[in-house]
Amino acid sequence: MAWIETIGPEDAGGELRALYERYANADGSVDRILQIHALRPASLAAHCALYVQAIHGPSSLSRIEREMLAVEVSRVNGCVY
């Protein structure tokens, strides 16, 4: 597995801290999949914008249907996340 340098929420500052606070879980934790963008906050913002559009944007599919498709695609691709 590749190793990617990250910055945890407790060490984040500036724009990264603001993004972490915006996209944190209810308990204040930040998913590791988001922390991999720590060195490039613009990448984190783009990642989250894509997710929000794909799952919450206008579509003929319901949110549940889109989530189910995402899970199945991840399963087919061997992604454990």
PDB file of N, CA and C in Angstrom:
ATOM      1  N   MET A   1       0.842  -1.178   0.000  1.00  0.00           N
ATOM      2  CA  MET A   1       0.000   0.000   0.000  1.00  0.00           C
ATOM      3  C   MET A   1       0.884   1.238   0.000  1.00  0.00           C
ATOM      4  N   ALA A   2       0.438   2.242  -0.720  1.00  0.00           N
ATOM      5  CA  ALA A   2       1.182   3.488  -0.798  1.00  0.00           C
ATOM      6  C   ALA A   2       1.076   4.250   0.518  1.00  0.00           C
ATOM      7  N   TRP A   3       2.087   5.035   0.812  1.00  0.00           N
ATOM      8  CA  TRP A   3       2.078   5.887   1.998  1.00  0.00           C
ATOM      9  C   TRP A   3       1.971   7.318   1.520  1.00  0.00           C
ATOM     10  N   ILE A   4       1.013   8.020   2.059  1.00  0.00           N
ATOM     11  CA  ILE A   4       0.774   9.414   1.685  1.00  0.00           C
ATOM     12  C   ILE A   4       0.857  10.261   2.942  1.00  0.00           C
ATOM     13  N   GLU A   5       1.680  11.297   2.900  1.00  0.00           N
ATOM     14  CA  GLU A   5       1.798  12.200   4.048  1.00  0.00           C
ATOM     15  C   GLU A   5       0.481  12.934   4.250  1.00  0.00           C
ATOM     16  N   THR A   6       0.025  12.968   5.477  1.00  0.00           N
ATOM     17  CA  THR A   6      -1.219  13.661   5.797  1.00  0.00           C
ATOM     18  C   THR A   6      -0.996  14.627   6.959  1.00  0.00           C
ATOM     19  N   ILE A   7      -1.959  15.487   7.156  1.00  0.00           N
ATOM     20  CA  ILE A   7      -1.981  16.386   8.301  1.00  0.00           C
ATOM     21  C   ILE A   7      -3.300  16.124   9.010  1.00  0.00           C
ATOM     22  N   GLY A   8      -3.230  15.722  10.257  1.00  0.00           N
ATOM     23  CA  GLY A   8      -4.432  15.440  11.018  1.00  0.00           C
ATOM     24  C   GLY A   8      -5.179  16.699  11.384  1.00  0.00           C
ATOM     25  N   PRO A   9      -6.448  16.564  11.747  1.00  0.00           N
ATOM     26  CA  PRO A   9      -7.252  17.736  12.110  1.00  0.00           C
ATOM     27  C   PRO A   9      -6.643  18.565  13.242  1.00  0.00           C
ATOM     28  N   GLU A  10      -5.991  17.894  14.175  1.00  0.00           N
ATOM     29  CA  GLU A  10      -5.410  18.605  15.319  1.00  0.00           C
ATOM     30  C   GLU A  10      -4.221  19.475  14.926  1.00  0.00           C
ATOM     31  N   ASP A  11      -3.593  19.196  13.777  1.00  0.00           N
ATOM     32  CA  ASP A  11      -2.429  19.950  13.319  1.00  0.00           C
ATOM     33  C   ASP A  11      -2.729  20.869  12.140  1.00  0.00           C
ATOM     34  N   ALA A  12      -3.954  20.851  11.654  1.00  0.00           N
ATOM     35  CA  ALA A  12      -4.314  21.636  10.473  1.00  0.00           C
ATOM     36  C   ALA A  12      -4.470  23.108  10.827  1.00  0.00           C
ATOM     37  N   GLY A  13      -4.137  23.940   9.887  1.00  0.00           N
ATOM     38  CA  GLY A  13      -4.307  25.382  10.058  1.00  0.00           C
ATOM     39  C   GLY A  13      -4.871  25.997   8.796  1.00  0.00           C
ATOM     40  N   GLY A  14      -5.268  27.235   8.890  1.00  0.00           N
ATOM     41  CA  GLY A  14      -5.715  28.003   7.729  1.00  0.00           C
ATOM     42  C   GLY A  14      -6.829  27.349   6.937  1.00  0.00           C
ATOM     43  N   GLU A  15      -6.645  27.339   5.614  1.00  0.00           N
ATOM     44  CA  GLU A  15      -7.653  26.803   4.699  1.00  0.00           C
ATOM     45  C   GLU A  15      -7.944  25.331   4.986  1.00  0.00           C
ATOM     46  N   LEU A  16      -6.892  24.553   5.284  1.00  0.00           N
ATOM     47  CA  LEU A  16      -7.088  23.127   5.556  1.00  0.00           C
ATOM     48  C   LEU A  16      -7.959  22.935   6.788  1.00  0.00           C
ATOM     49  N   ARG A  17      -7.696  23.689   7.838  1.00  0.00           N
ATOM     50  CA  ARG A  17      -8.516  23.592   9.060  1.00  0.00           C
ATOM     51  C   ARG A  17      -9.982  23.914   8.752  1.00  0.00           C
ATOM     52  N   ALA A  18     -10.199  24.960   7.966  1.00  0.00           N
ATOM     53  CA  ALA A  18     -11.569  25.359   7.622  1.00  0.00           C
ATOM     54  C   ALA A  18     -12.283  24.243   6.841  1.00  0.00           C
ATOM     55  N   LEU A  19     -11.559  23.622   5.913  1.00  0.00           N
ATOM     56  CA  LEU A  19     -12.154  22.524   5.140  1.00  0.00           C
ATOM     57  C   LEU A  19     -12.426  21.318   6.023  1.00  0.00           C
ATOM     58  N   TYR A  20     -11.488  20.983   6.893  1.00  0.00           N
ATOM     59  CA  TYR A  20     -11.707  19.870   7.818  1.00  0.00           C
ATOM     60  C   TYR A  20     -12.935  20.129   8.686  1.00  0.00           C
ATOM     61  N   GLU A  21     -13.067  21.349   9.183  1.00  0.00           N
ATOM     62  CA  GLU A  21     -14.222  21.667  10.022  1.00  0.00           C
ATOM     63  C   GLU A  21     -15.518  21.556   9.221  1.00  0.00           C
ATOM     64  N   ARG A  22     -15.470  21.967   7.973  1.00  0.00           N
ATOM     65  CA  ARG A  22     -16.664  21.902   7.122  1.00  0.00           C
ATOM     66  C   ARG A  22     -17.082  20.470   6.820  1.00  0.00           C
ATOM     67  N   TYR A  23     -16.107  19.590   6.598  1.00  0.00           N
ATOM     68  CA  TYR A  23     -16.413  18.222   6.156  1.00  0.00           C
ATOM     69  C   TYR A  23     -16.191  17.168   7.242  1.00  0.00           C
ATOM     70  N   ALA A  24     -16.030  17.589   8.482  1.00  0.00           N
ATOM     71  CA  ALA A  24     -15.824  16.641   9.589  1.00  0.00           C
ATOM     72  C   ALA A  24     -17.096  15.848   9.854  1.00  0.00           C
ATOM     73  N   ASN A  25     -16.920  14.681  10.429  1.00  0.00           N
ATOM     74  CA  ASN A  25     -18.039  13.866  10.889  1.00  0.00           C
ATOM     75  C   ASN A  25     -18.659  14.520  12.121  1.00  0.00           C
ATOM     76  N   ALA A  26     -19.803  14.023  12.526  1.00  0.00           N
ATOM     77  CA  ALA A  26     -20.519  14.589  13.673  1.00  0.00           C
ATOM     78  C   ALA A  26     -19.659  14.607  14.933  1.00  0.00           C
ATOM     79  N   ASP A  27     -18.760  13.633  15.071  1.00  0.00           N
ATOM     80  CA  ASP A  27     -17.900  13.571  16.256  1.00  0.00           C
ATOM     81  C   ASP A  27     -16.629  14.404  16.122  1.00  0.00           C
ATOM     82  N   GLY A  28     -16.496  15.145  15.013  1.00  0.00           N
ATOM     83  CA  GLY A  28     -15.327  15.989  14.794  1.00  0.00           C
ATOM     84  C   GLY A  28     -14.174  15.313  14.072  1.00  0.00           C
ATOM     85  N   SER A  29     -14.273  14.002  13.863  1.00  0.00           N
ATOM     86  CA  SER A  29     -13.202  13.300  13.151  1.00  0.00           C
ATOM     87  C   SER A  29     -13.283  13.590  11.657  1.00  0.00           C
ATOM     88  N   VAL A  30     -12.157  13.409  10.980  1.00  0.00           N
ATOM     89  CA  VAL A  30     -12.091  13.631   9.534  1.00  0.00           C
ATOM     90  C   VAL A  30     -11.663  12.313   8.890  1.00  0.00           C
ATOM     91  N   ASP A  31     -12.453  11.840   7.935  1.00  0.00           N
ATOM     92  CA  ASP A  31     -12.152  10.579   7.269  1.00  0.00           C
ATOM     93  C   ASP A  31     -10.762  10.616   6.634  1.00  0.00           C
ATOM     94  N   ARG A  32     -10.072   9.492   6.692  1.00  0.00           N
ATOM     95  CA  ARG A  32      -8.724   9.407   6.107  1.00  0.00           C
ATOM     96  C   ARG A  32      -8.731   9.691   4.614  1.00  0.00           C
ATOM     97  N   ILE A  33      -9.815   9.296   3.934  1.00  0.00           N
ATOM     98  CA  ILE A  33      -9.888   9.546   2.495  1.00  0.00           C
ATOM     99  C   ILE A  33      -9.832  11.046   2.204  1.00  0.00           C
ATOM    100  N   LEU A  34     -10.260  11.862   3.158  1.00  0.00           N
ATOM    101  CA  LEU A  34     -10.162  13.317   3.004  1.00  0.00           C
ATOM    102  C   LEU A  34      -8.788  13.817   3.424  1.00  0.00           C
ATOM    103  N   GLN A  35      -8.197  13.197   4.432  1.00  0.00           N
ATOM    104  CA  GLN A  35      -6.889  13.632   4.920  1.00  0.00           C
ATOM    105  C   GLN A  35      -5.769  13.423   3.905  1.00  0.00           C
ATOM    106  N   ILE A  36      -5.984  12.542   2.918  1.00  0.00           N
ATOM    107  CA  ILE A  36      -4.928  12.353   1.910  1.00  0.00           C
ATOM    108  C   ILE A  36      -4.745  13.597   1.048  1.00  0.00           C
ATOM    109  N   HIS A  37      -5.686  14.509   1.115  1.00  0.00           N
ATOM    110  CA  HIS A  37      -5.590  15.763   0.359  1.00  0.00           C
ATOM    111  C   HIS A  37      -4.930  16.875   1.176  1.00  0.00           C
ATOM    112  N   ALA A  38      -4.435  16.566   2.349  1.00  0.00           N
ATOM    113  CA  ALA A  38      -3.956  17.573   3.296  1.00  0.00           C
ATOM    114  C   ALA A  38      -2.911  18.527   2.709  1.00  0.00           C
ATOM    115  N   LEU A  39      -2.044  18.032   1.870  1.00  0.00           N
ATOM    116  CA  LEU A  39      -0.984  18.883   1.336  1.00  0.00           C
ATOM    117  C   LEU A  39      -1.472  19.780   0.195  1.00  0.00           C
ATOM    118  N   ARG A  40      -2.690  19.511  -0.285  1.00  0.00           N
ATOM    119  CA  ARG A  40      -3.270  20.315  -1.368  1.00  0.00           C
ATOM    120  C   ARG A  40      -4.735  20.580  -1.055  1.00  0.00           C
ATOM    121  N   PRO A  41      -5.017  21.558  -0.204  1.00  0.00           N
ATOM    122  CA  PRO A  41      -6.398  21.826   0.193  1.00  0.00           C
ATOM    123  C   PRO A  41      -7.358  22.034  -0.988  1.00  0.00           C
ATOM    124  N   ALA A  42      -6.876  22.581  -2.088  1.00  0.00           N
ATOM    125  CA  ALA A  42      -7.748  22.770  -3.255  1.00  0.00           C
ATOM    126  C   ALA A  42      -8.244  21.420  -3.769  1.00  0.00           C
ATOM    127  N   SER A  43      -7.402  20.402  -3.659  1.00  0.00           N
ATOM    128  CA  SER A  43      -7.783  19.053  -4.055  1.00  0.00           C
ATOM    129  C   SER A  43      -8.885  18.510  -3.135  1.00  0.00           C
ATOM    130  N   LEU A  44      -8.775  18.790  -1.843  1.00  0.00           N
ATOM    131  CA  LEU A  44      -9.806  18.381  -0.888  1.00  0.00           C
ATOM    132  C   LEU A  44     -11.134  19.058  -1.219  1.00  0.00           C
ATOM    133  N   ALA A  45     -11.095  20.343  -1.498  1.00  0.00           N
ATOM    134  CA  ALA A  45     -12.315  21.071  -1.845  1.00  0.00           C
ATOM    135  C   ALA A  45     -12.950  20.490  -3.106  1.00  0.00           C
ATOM    136  N   ALA A  46     -12.123  20.166  -4.105  1.00  0.00           N
ATOM    137  CA  ALA A  46     -12.638  19.587  -5.348  1.00  0.00           C
ATOM    138  C   ALA A  46     -13.222  18.199  -5.111  1.00  0.00           C
ATOM    139  N   HIS A  47     -12.559  17.395  -4.299  1.00  0.00           N
ATOM    140  CA  HIS A  47     -13.039  16.053  -3.956  1.00  0.00           C
ATOM    141  C   HIS A  47     -14.430  16.150  -3.335  1.00  0.00           C
ATOM    142  N   CYS A  48     -14.586  17.036  -2.370  1.00  0.00           N
ATOM    143  CA  CYS A  48     -15.865  17.180  -1.669  1.00  0.00           C
ATOM    144  C   CYS A  48     -16.935  17.751  -2.587  1.00  0.00           C
ATOM    145  N   ALA A  49     -16.571  18.679  -3.458  1.00  0.00           N
ATOM    146  CA  ALA A  49     -17.531  19.252  -4.398  1.00  0.00           C
ATOM    147  C   ALA A  49     -18.053  18.180  -5.355  1.00  0.00           C
ATOM    148  N   LEU A  50     -17.153  17.320  -5.826  1.00  0.00           N
ATOM    149  CA  LEU A  50     -17.563  16.225  -6.706  1.00  0.00           C
ATOM    150  C   LEU A  50     -18.507  15.279  -5.980  1.00  0.00           C
ATOM    151  N   TYR A  51     -18.163  14.911  -4.738  1.00  0.00           N
ATOM    152  CA  TYR A  51     -19.013  14.019  -3.952  1.00  0.00           C
ATOM    153  C   TYR A  51     -20.397  14.628  -3.749  1.00  0.00           C
ATOM    154  N   VAL A  52     -20.443  15.884  -3.331  1.00  0.00           N
ATOM    155  CA  VAL A  52     -21.725  16.546  -3.072  1.00  0.00           C
ATOM    156  C   VAL A  52     -22.567  16.573  -4.350  1.00  0.00           C
ATOM    157  N   GLN A  53     -21.960  16.895  -5.469  1.00  0.00           N
ATOM    158  CA  GLN A  53     -22.699  16.935  -6.732  1.00  0.00           C
ATOM    159  C   GLN A  53     -23.183  15.542  -7.123  1.00  0.00           C
ATOM    160  N   ALA A  54     -22.333  14.541  -6.991  1.00  0.00           N
ATOM    161  CA  ALA A  54     -22.703  13.185  -7.395  1.00  0.00           C
ATOM    162  C   ALA A  54     -23.803  12.592  -6.525  1.00  0.00           C
ATOM    163  N   ILE A  55     -23.759  12.844  -5.235  1.00  0.00           N
ATOM    164  CA  ILE A  55     -24.715  12.225  -4.312  1.00  0.00           C
ATOM    165  C   ILE A  55     -25.925  13.106  -4.049  1.00  0.00           C
ATOM    166  N   HIS A  56     -25.746  14.413  -4.000  1.00  0.00           N
ATOM    167  CA  HIS A  56     -26.842  15.311  -3.615  1.00  0.00           C
ATOM    168  C   HIS A  56     -27.377  16.164  -4.764  1.00  0.00           C
ATOM    169  N   GLY A  57     -26.682  16.202  -5.894  1.00  0.00           N
ATOM    170  CA  GLY A  57     -27.109  17.040  -7.003  1.00  0.00           C
ATOM    171  C   GLY A  57     -28.346  16.495  -7.703  1.00  0.00           C
ATOM    172  N   PRO A  58     -28.905  17.283  -8.607  1.00  0.00           N
ATOM    173  CA  PRO A  58     -30.095  16.846  -9.343  1.00  0.00           C
ATOM    174  C   PRO A  58     -29.830  15.555 -10.107  1.00  0.00           C
ATOM    175  N   SER A  59     -30.781  14.642 -10.044  1.00  0.00           N
ATOM    176  CA  SER A  59     -30.634  13.359 -10.719  1.00  0.00           C
ATOM    177  C   SER A  59     -31.983  12.656 -10.761  1.00  0.00           C
ATOM    178  N   SER A  60     -32.144  11.775 -11.733  1.00  0.00           N
ATOM    179  CA  SER A  60     -33.350  10.944 -11.767  1.00  0.00           C
ATOM    180  C   SER A  60     -33.251   9.801 -10.758  1.00  0.00           C
ATOM    181  N   LEU A  61     -32.053   9.586 -10.182  1.00  0.00           N
ATOM    182  CA  LEU A  61     -31.860   8.562  -9.167  1.00  0.00           C
ATOM    183  C   LEU A  61     -31.976   9.183  -7.774  1.00  0.00           C
ATOM    184  N   SER A  62     -32.501   8.423  -6.836  1.00  0.00           N
ATOM    185  CA  SER A  62     -32.569   8.894  -5.458  1.00  0.00           C
ATOM    186  C   SER A  62     -31.174   8.853  -4.838  1.00  0.00           C
ATOM    187  N   ARG A  63     -31.017   9.513  -3.702  1.00  0.00           N
ATOM    188  CA  ARG A  63     -29.727   9.477  -3.006  1.00  0.00           C
ATOM    189  C   ARG A  63     -29.374   8.037  -2.629  1.00  0.00           C
ATOM    190  N   ILE A  64     -30.346   7.297  -2.159  1.00  0.00           N
ATOM    191  CA  ILE A  64     -30.098   5.895  -1.767  1.00  0.00           C
ATOM    192  C   ILE A  64     -29.629   5.083  -2.972  1.00  0.00           C
ATOM    193  N   GLU A  65     -30.266   5.277  -4.129  1.00  0.00           N
ATOM    194  CA  GLU A  65     -29.841   4.547  -5.326  1.00  0.00           C
ATOM    195  C   GLU A  65     -28.414   4.915  -5.716  1.00  0.00           C
ATOM    196  N   ARG A  66     -28.066   6.191  -5.610  1.00  0.00           N
ATOM    197  CA  ARG A  66     -26.699   6.614  -5.956  1.00  0.00           C
ATOM    198  C   ARG A  66     -25.684   6.036  -4.976  1.00  0.00           C
ATOM    199  N   GLU A  67     -26.018   6.023  -3.680  1.00  0.00           N
ATOM    200  CA  GLU A  67     -25.130   5.422  -2.676  1.00  0.00           C
ATOM    201  C   GLU A  67     -24.948   3.929  -2.957  1.00  0.00           C
ATOM    202  N   MET A  68     -26.043   3.233  -3.297  1.00  0.00           N
ATOM    203  CA  MET A  68     -25.952   1.798  -3.592  1.00  0.00           C
ATOM    204  C   MET A  68     -25.065   1.543  -4.809  1.00  0.00           C
ATOM    205  N   LEU A  69     -25.190   2.380  -5.829  1.00  0.00           N
ATOM    206  CA  LEU A  69     -24.330   2.245  -7.007  1.00  0.00           C
ATOM    207  C   LEU A  69     -22.865   2.468  -6.647  1.00  0.00           C
ATOM    208  N   ALA A  70     -22.600   3.456  -5.816  1.00  0.00           N
ATOM    209  CA  ALA A  70     -21.225   3.739  -5.398  1.00  0.00           C
ATOM    210  C   ALA A  70     -20.639   2.549  -4.640  1.00  0.00           C
ATOM    211  N   VAL A  71     -21.430   1.959  -3.754  1.00  0.00           N
ATOM    212  CA  VAL A  71     -20.958   0.800  -2.991  1.00  0.00           C
ATOM    213  C   VAL A  71     -20.677  -0.372  -3.930  1.00  0.00           C
ATOM    214  N   GLU A  72     -21.564  -0.619  -4.882  1.00  0.00           N
ATOM    215  CA  GLU A  72     -21.371  -1.737  -5.802  1.00  0.00           C
ATOM    216  C   GLU A  72     -20.155  -1.521  -6.701  1.00  0.00           C
ATOM    217  N   VAL A  73     -19.966  -0.313  -7.190  1.00  0.00           N
ATOM    218  CA  VAL A  73     -18.796  -0.034  -8.021  1.00  0.00           C
ATOM    219  C   VAL A  73     -17.520  -0.241  -7.208  1.00  0.00           C
ATOM    220  N   SER A  74     -17.516   0.201  -5.958  1.00  0.00           N
ATOM    221  CA  SER A  74     -16.359  -0.013  -5.103  1.00  0.00           C
ATOM    222  C   SER A  74     -16.102  -1.499  -4.878  1.00  0.00           C
ATOM    223  N   ARG A  75     -17.169  -2.262  -4.670  1.00  0.00           N
ATOM    224  CA  ARG A  75     -17.024  -3.707  -4.477  1.00  0.00           C
ATOM    225  C   ARG A  75     -16.426  -4.359  -5.710  1.00  0.00           C
ATOM    226  N   VAL A  76     -16.959  -4.034  -6.895  1.00  0.00           N
ATOM    227  CA  VAL A  76     -16.460  -4.595  -8.142  1.00  0.00           C
ATOM    228  C   VAL A  76     -14.993  -4.233  -8.363  1.00  0.00           C
ATOM    229  N   ASN A  77     -14.605  -3.027  -7.963  1.00  0.00           N
ATOM    230  CA  ASN A  77     -13.220  -2.564  -8.117  1.00  0.00           C
ATOM    231  C   ASN A  77     -12.294  -3.053  -7.004  1.00  0.00           C
ATOM    232  N   GLY A  78     -12.828  -3.796  -6.030  1.00  0.00           N
ATOM    233  CA  GLY A  78     -11.993  -4.308  -4.943  1.00  0.00           C
ATOM    234  C   GLY A  78     -11.609  -3.254  -3.940  1.00  0.00           C
ATOM    235  N   CYS A  79     -12.366  -2.157  -3.871  1.00  0.00           N
ATOM    236  CA  CYS A  79     -12.079  -1.080  -2.933  1.00  0.00           C
ATOM    237  C   CYS A  79     -12.722  -1.398  -1.590  1.00  0.00           C
ATOM    238  N   VAL A  80     -11.940  -1.372  -0.535  1.00  0.00           N
ATOM    239  CA  VAL A  80     -12.481  -1.709   0.791  1.00  0.00           C
ATOM    240  C   VAL A  80     -12.988  -0.490   1.532  1.00  0.00           C
ATOM    241  N   TYR A  81     -12.814   0.706   0.998  1.00  0.00           N
ATOM    242  CA  TYR A  81     -13.265   1.914   1.681  1.00  0.00           C
ATOM    243  C   TYR A  81     -14.776   1.980   1.664  1.00  0.00           C
TER     244      TYR A  81
END
